[in-house]
């Protein structure tokens, strides 16, 4: 995974992507390593029905 802001920053990660999901969750450590800062907070409902508020960033695949 590469930082959208600084292409010299990258990390190697193994991810399981749900093609039907609207979002993919990453750890805060991953984002810190990439130097990516959240742009806003969003409310999410988890599979167990629990509501949470999490930081949001937009990453684009290439």
Protein backbone atom coordinates (compact mmCIF):
# COMPACT_ATOMS: atom_id res chain seq x y z
CA UNK A 1 0.00 0.00 0.00
CA UNK A 2 1.38 3.42 -0.94
CA UNK A 3 0.67 6.85 0.53
CA UNK A 4 -1.41 9.04 -1.81
CA UNK A 5 0.40 12.11 -0.45
CA UNK A 6 3.98 10.80 -0.57
CA UNK A 7 4.63 7.99 -3.07
CA UNK A 8 7.96 7.21 -1.38
CA UNK A 9 6.06 5.94 1.68
CA UNK A 10 4.71 2.42 1.34
CA UNK A 11 3.96 -0.62 3.48
CA UNK A 12 3.39 -4.24 2.62
CA UNK A 13 0.14 -5.59 4.03
CA UNK A 14 -2.00 -8.66 3.57
CA UNK A 15 -5.68 -7.71 3.30
CA UNK A 16 -8.95 -9.53 2.87
CA UNK A 17 -11.16 -7.31 0.72
CA UNK A 18 -14.95 -7.72 0.68
CA UNK A 19 -15.96 -6.68 -2.84
CA UNK A 20 -19.50 -6.00 -1.64
CA UNK A 21 -18.43 -3.72 1.21
CA UNK A 22 -18.56 0.06 1.01
CA UNK A 23 -15.48 0.54 3.21
CA UNK A 24 -12.27 -1.25 4.12
CA UNK A 25 -10.92 -0.82 7.64
CA UNK A 26 -7.21 -0.20 8.21
CA UNK A 27 -5.38 0.06 11.50
CA UNK A 28 -4.23 3.43 12.78
CA UNK A 29 -0.67 2.07 12.73
CA UNK A 30 -0.93 1.46 8.97
CA UNK A 31 -2.12 5.01 8.36
CA UNK A 32 0.59 6.45 10.62
CA UNK A 33 3.29 4.55 8.72
CA UNK A 34 1.93 6.00 5.47
CA UNK A 35 1.67 9.49 6.94
CA UNK A 36 -2.05 9.64 6.14
CA UNK A 37 -4.28 11.81 8.34
CA UNK A 38 -8.06 11.35 8.67
CA UNK A 39 -10.09 14.01 6.86
CA UNK A 40 -13.30 13.53 8.87
CA UNK A 41 -15.19 11.14 11.15
CA UNK A 42 -18.05 8.92 9.96
CA UNK A 43 -20.72 6.89 11.77
CA UNK A 44 -20.80 3.19 10.94
CA UNK A 45 -23.06 0.29 11.90
CA UNK A 46 -21.13 -2.94 12.41
CA UNK A 47 -22.35 -6.44 11.53
CA UNK A 48 -23.37 -7.01 15.17
CA UNK A 49 -25.61 -3.91 15.03
CA UNK A 50 -23.25 -1.78 17.13
CA UNK A 51 -22.87 1.88 16.07
CA UNK A 52 -19.37 3.37 16.10
CA UNK A 53 -17.72 6.58 14.93
CA UNK A 54 -14.38 6.19 13.14
CA UNK A 55 -11.88 8.44 11.36
CA UNK A 56 -12.16 8.39 7.56
CA UNK A 57 -9.57 8.72 4.82
CA UNK A 58 -9.90 8.23 1.09
CA UNK A 59 -7.31 5.98 -0.54
CA UNK A 60 -7.41 5.27 -4.26
CA UNK A 61 -6.16 2.04 -5.79
CA UNK A 62 -3.97 2.16 -8.85
